[in-house]
Amino acid sequence: MRLVIVVVGSPPNFLVVHFLRVLLILKLLFVFAPLLKPMSWGLISMFLLI
């Protein structure tokens, strides 16, 4: 159990921040893509490049 707790409880902070940032970007894309259908693919490619 101690090994499991150590593995689960010690992810690097930047990975958590990156994961939350990706979730936020996906949420924004799902909100704005229907409004900007011609630009949605450009926005997705821009966010993937960043």
PDB file of N, CA and C in Angstrom:
ATOM      1  N   MET A   1       0.830  -1.210   0.000  1.00  0.00           N
ATOM      2  CA  MET A   1       0.000   0.000   0.000  1.00  0.00           C
ATOM      3  C   MET A   1       0.865   1.262   0.000  1.00  0.00           C
ATOM      4  N   ARG A   2       1.988   1.186   0.698  1.00  0.00           N
ATOM      5  CA  ARG A   2       2.829   2.377   0.773  1.00  0.00           C
ATOM      6  C   ARG A   2       3.347   2.756  -0.611  1.00  0.00           C
ATOM      7  N   LEU A   3       3.728   1.766  -1.410  1.00  0.00           N
ATOM      8  CA  LEU A   3       4.225   2.059  -2.755  1.00  0.00           C
ATOM      9  C   LEU A   3       3.137   2.693  -3.608  1.00  0.00           C
ATOM     10  N   VAL A   4       1.909   2.173  -3.501  1.00  0.00           N
ATOM     11  CA  VAL A   4       0.811   2.725  -4.289  1.00  0.00           C
ATOM     12  C   VAL A   4       0.567   4.174  -3.906  1.00  0.00           C
ATOM     13  N   ILE A   5       0.578   4.453  -2.606  1.00  0.00           N
ATOM     14  CA  ILE A   5       0.332   5.825  -2.149  1.00  0.00           C
ATOM     15  C   ILE A   5       1.431   6.748  -2.657  1.00  0.00           C
ATOM     16  N   VAL A   6       2.682   6.273  -2.617  1.00  0.00           N
ATOM     17  CA  VAL A   6       3.787   7.110  -3.088  1.00  0.00           C
ATOM     18  C   VAL A   6       3.633   7.394  -4.575  1.00  0.00           C
ATOM     19  N   VAL A   7       3.302   6.364  -5.363  1.00  0.00           N
ATOM     20  CA  VAL A   7       3.202   6.549  -6.814  1.00  0.00           C
ATOM     21  C   VAL A   7       2.044   7.486  -7.150  1.00  0.00           C
ATOM     22  N   VAL A   8       0.895   7.283  -6.483  1.00  0.00           N
ATOM     23  CA  VAL A   8      -0.272   8.098  -6.799  1.00  0.00           C
ATOM     24  C   VAL A   8      -0.122   9.504  -6.236  1.00  0.00           C
ATOM     25  N   GLY A   9       0.526   9.636  -5.082  1.00  0.00           N
ATOM     26  CA  GLY A   9       0.555  10.914  -4.392  1.00  0.00           C
ATOM     27  C   GLY A   9       1.686  11.830  -4.801  1.00  0.00           C
ATOM     28  N   SER A  10       2.567  11.384  -5.711  1.00  0.00           N
ATOM     29  CA  SER A  10       3.716  12.226  -6.053  1.00  0.00           C
ATOM     30  C   SER A  10       3.850  12.445  -7.554  1.00  0.00           C
ATOM     31  N   PRO A  11       2.797  12.904  -8.221  1.00  0.00           N
ATOM     32  CA  PRO A  11       2.980  13.299  -9.622  1.00  0.00           C
ATOM     33  C   PRO A  11       3.638  14.666  -9.677  1.00  0.00           C
ATOM     34  N   PRO A  12       4.488  14.906 -10.664  1.00  0.00           N
ATOM     35  CA  PRO A  12       5.078  16.246 -10.786  1.00  0.00           C
ATOM     36  C   PRO A  12       3.993  17.295 -10.993  1.00  0.00           C
ATOM     37  N   ASN A  13       4.195  18.458 -10.387  1.00  0.00           N
ATOM     38  CA  ASN A  13       3.167  19.501 -10.446  1.00  0.00           C
ATOM     39  C   ASN A  13       2.906  19.953 -11.875  1.00  0.00           C
ATOM     40  N   PHE A  14       3.970  20.001 -12.707  1.00  0.00           N
ATOM     41  CA  PHE A  14       3.764  20.520 -14.060  1.00  0.00           C
ATOM     42  C   PHE A  14       2.878  19.591 -14.877  1.00  0.00           C
ATOM     43  N   LEU A  15       2.905  18.282 -14.570  1.00  0.00           N
ATOM     44  CA  LEU A  15       2.010  17.371 -15.281  1.00  0.00           C
ATOM     45  C   LEU A  15       0.556  17.652 -14.915  1.00  0.00           C
ATOM     46  N   VAL A  16       0.308  17.914 -13.637  1.00  0.00           N
ATOM     47  CA  VAL A  16      -1.063  18.222 -13.213  1.00  0.00           C
ATOM     48  C   VAL A  16      -1.534  19.514 -13.864  1.00  0.00           C
ATOM     49  N   VAL A  17      -0.663  20.528 -13.863  1.00  0.00           N
ATOM     50  CA  VAL A  17      -1.034  21.813 -14.465  1.00  0.00           C
ATOM     51  C   VAL A  17      -1.293  21.643 -15.952  1.00  0.00           C
ATOM     52  N   HIS A  18      -0.446  20.857 -16.636  1.00  0.00           N
ATOM     53  CA  HIS A  18      -0.627  20.641 -18.074  1.00  0.00           C
ATOM     54  C   HIS A  18      -1.940  19.910 -18.339  1.00  0.00           C
ATOM     55  N   PHE A  19      -2.257  18.906 -17.510  1.00  0.00           N
ATOM     56  CA  PHE A  19      -3.493  18.152 -17.694  1.00  0.00           C
ATOM     57  C   PHE A  19      -4.704  19.059 -17.518  1.00  0.00           C
ATOM     58  N   LEU A  20      -4.680  19.916 -16.485  1.00  0.00           N
ATOM     59  CA  LEU A  20      -5.798  20.840 -16.272  1.00  0.00           C
ATOM     60  C   LEU A  20      -5.900  21.834 -17.418  1.00  0.00           C
ATOM     61  N   ARG A  21      -4.735  22.275 -17.939  1.00  0.00           N
ATOM     62  CA  ARG A  21      -4.752  23.220 -19.065  1.00  0.00           C
ATOM     63  C   ARG A  21      -5.367  22.568 -20.297  1.00  0.00           C
ATOM     64  N   VAL A  22      -5.029  21.304 -20.545  1.00  0.00           N
ATOM     65  CA  VAL A  22      -5.607  20.605 -21.697  1.00  0.00           C
ATOM     66  C   VAL A  22      -7.113  20.464 -21.528  1.00  0.00           C
ATOM     67  N   LEU A  23      -7.560  20.130 -20.321  1.00  0.00           N
ATOM     68  CA  LEU A  23      -9.002  20.019 -20.088  1.00  0.00           C
ATOM     69  C   LEU A  23      -9.696  21.351 -20.337  1.00  0.00           C
ATOM     70  N   LEU A  24      -9.085  22.444 -19.881  1.00  0.00           N
ATOM     71  CA  LEU A  24      -9.683  23.763 -20.079  1.00  0.00           C
ATOM     72  C   LEU A  24      -9.745  24.111 -21.559  1.00  0.00           C
ATOM     73  N   ILE A  25      -8.671  23.805 -22.303  1.00  0.00           N
ATOM     74  CA  ILE A  25      -8.657  24.100 -23.738  1.00  0.00           C
ATOM     75  C   ILE A  25      -9.733  23.295 -24.455  1.00  0.00           C
ATOM     76  N   LEU A  26      -9.865  22.006 -24.101  1.00  0.00           N
ATOM     77  CA  LEU A  26     -10.892  21.185 -24.745  1.00  0.00           C
ATOM     78  C   LEU A  26     -12.286  21.725 -24.426  1.00  0.00           C
ATOM     79  N   LYS A  27     -12.489  22.161 -23.184  1.00  0.00           N
ATOM     80  CA  LYS A  27     -13.790  22.714 -22.806  1.00  0.00           C
ATOM     81  C   LYS A  27     -14.088  23.964 -23.618  1.00  0.00           C
ATOM     82  N   LEU A  28     -13.100  24.840 -23.755  1.00  0.00           N
ATOM     83  CA  LEU A  28     -13.305  26.059 -24.534  1.00  0.00           C
ATOM     84  C   LEU A  28     -13.568  25.729 -25.998  1.00  0.00           C
ATOM     85  N   LEU A  29     -12.855  24.726 -26.528  1.00  0.00           N
ATOM     86  CA  LEU A  29     -13.081  24.353 -27.925  1.00  0.00           C
ATOM     87  C   LEU A  29     -14.499  23.831 -28.118  1.00  0.00           C
ATOM     88  N   PHE A  30     -14.978  23.004 -27.174  1.00  0.00           N
ATOM     89  CA  PHE A  30     -16.329  22.475 -27.320  1.00  0.00           C
ATOM     90  C   PHE A  30     -17.365  23.584 -27.207  1.00  0.00           C
ATOM     91  N   VAL A  31     -17.057  24.646 -26.433  1.00  0.00           N
ATOM     92  CA  VAL A  31     -18.008  25.749 -26.296  1.00  0.00           C
ATOM     93  C   VAL A  31     -18.010  26.615 -27.555  1.00  0.00           C
ATOM     94  N   PHE A  32     -16.814  26.917 -28.093  1.00  0.00           N
ATOM     95  CA  PHE A  32     -16.722  27.897 -29.173  1.00  0.00           C
ATOM     96  C   PHE A  32     -16.740  27.283 -30.568  1.00  0.00           C
ATOM     97  N   ALA A  33     -16.475  25.979 -30.694  1.00  0.00           N
ATOM     98  CA  ALA A  33     -16.428  25.373 -32.024  1.00  0.00           C
ATOM     99  C   ALA A  33     -17.757  25.511 -32.776  1.00  0.00           C
ATOM    100  N   PRO A  34     -18.919  25.285 -32.137  1.00  0.00           N
ATOM    101  CA  PRO A  34     -20.169  25.470 -32.888  1.00  0.00           C
ATOM    102  C   PRO A  34     -20.377  26.910 -33.345  1.00  0.00           C
ATOM    103  N   LEU A  35     -19.817  27.876 -32.605  1.00  0.00           N
ATOM    104  CA  LEU A  35     -19.979  29.273 -32.991  1.00  0.00           C
ATOM    105  C   LEU A  35     -19.039  29.648 -34.135  1.00  0.00           C
ATOM    106  N   LEU A  36     -17.891  28.988 -34.193  1.00  0.00           N
ATOM    107  CA  LEU A  36     -16.868  29.339 -35.186  1.00  0.00           C
ATOM    108  C   LEU A  36     -16.498  28.106 -35.998  1.00  0.00           C
ATOM    109  N   LYS A  37     -17.486  27.542 -36.691  1.00  0.00           N
ATOM    110  CA  LYS A  37     -17.214  26.294 -37.399  1.00  0.00           C
ATOM    111  C   LYS A  37     -16.118  26.431 -38.449  1.00  0.00           C
ATOM    112  N   PRO A  38     -16.066  27.500 -39.233  1.00  0.00           N
ATOM    113  CA  PRO A  38     -14.978  27.583 -40.218  1.00  0.00           C
ATOM    114  C   PRO A  38     -13.604  27.686 -39.572  1.00  0.00           C
ATOM    115  N   MET A  39     -13.537  28.260 -38.351  1.00  0.00           N
ATOM    116  CA  MET A  39     -12.249  28.478 -37.710  1.00  0.00           C
ATOM    117  C   MET A  39     -11.902  27.392 -36.704  1.00  0.00           C
ATOM    118  N   SER A  40     -12.815  26.440 -36.482  1.00  0.00           N
ATOM    119  CA  SER A  40     -12.592  25.482 -35.401  1.00  0.00           C
ATOM    120  C   SER A  40     -11.351  24.630 -35.656  1.00  0.00           C
ATOM    121  N   TRP A  41     -11.154  24.184 -36.902  1.00  0.00           N
ATOM    122  CA  TRP A  41      -9.979  23.346 -37.181  1.00  0.00           C
ATOM    123  C   TRP A  41      -8.706  24.151 -37.018  1.00  0.00           C
ATOM    124  N   GLY A  42      -8.720  25.426 -37.401  1.00  0.00           N
ATOM    125  CA  GLY A  42      -7.547  26.271 -37.194  1.00  0.00           C
ATOM    126  C   GLY A  42      -7.245  26.462 -35.717  1.00  0.00           C
ATOM    127  N   LEU A  43      -8.303  26.650 -34.907  1.00  0.00           N
ATOM    128  CA  LEU A  43      -8.089  26.808 -33.473  1.00  0.00           C
ATOM    129  C   LEU A  43      -7.526  25.534 -32.864  1.00  0.00           C
ATOM    130  N   ILE A  44      -8.067  24.377 -33.281  1.00  0.00           N
ATOM    131  CA  ILE A  44      -7.573  23.107 -32.738  1.00  0.00           C
ATOM    132  C   ILE A  44      -6.104  22.921 -33.095  1.00  0.00           C
ATOM    133  N   SER A  45      -5.734  23.207 -34.346  1.00  0.00           N
ATOM    134  CA  SER A  45      -4.335  23.022 -34.742  1.00  0.00           C
ATOM    135  C   SER A  45      -3.434  24.005 -33.998  1.00  0.00           C
ATOM    136  N   MET A  46      -3.917  25.241 -33.772  1.00  0.00           N
ATOM    137  CA  MET A  46      -3.124  26.209 -33.013  1.00  0.00           C
ATOM    138  C   MET A  46      -2.885  25.721 -31.595  1.00  0.00           C
ATOM    139  N   PHE A  47      -3.931  25.226 -30.919  1.00  0.00           N
ATOM    140  CA  PHE A  47      -3.767  24.773 -29.540  1.00  0.00           C
ATOM    141  C   PHE A  47      -2.889  23.532 -29.475  1.00  0.00           C
ATOM    142  N   LEU A  48      -2.957  22.672 -30.503  1.00  0.00           N
ATOM    143  CA  LEU A  48      -2.099  21.490 -30.487  1.00  0.00           C
ATOM    144  C   LEU A  48      -0.643  21.876 -30.665  1.00  0.00           C
ATOM    145  N   LEU A  49      -0.372  22.948 -31.424  1.00  0.00           N
ATOM    146  CA  LEU A  49       1.015  23.361 -31.638  1.00  0.00           C
ATOM    147  C   LEU A  49       1.594  24.023 -30.396  1.00  0.00           C
ATOM    148  N   ILE A  50       0.768  24.685 -29.599  1.00  0.00           N
ATOM    149  CA  ILE A  50       1.272  25.401 -28.418  1.00  0.00           C
ATOM    150  C   ILE A  50       1.782  24.404 -27.378  1.00  0.00           C
TER     151      ILE A  50
END
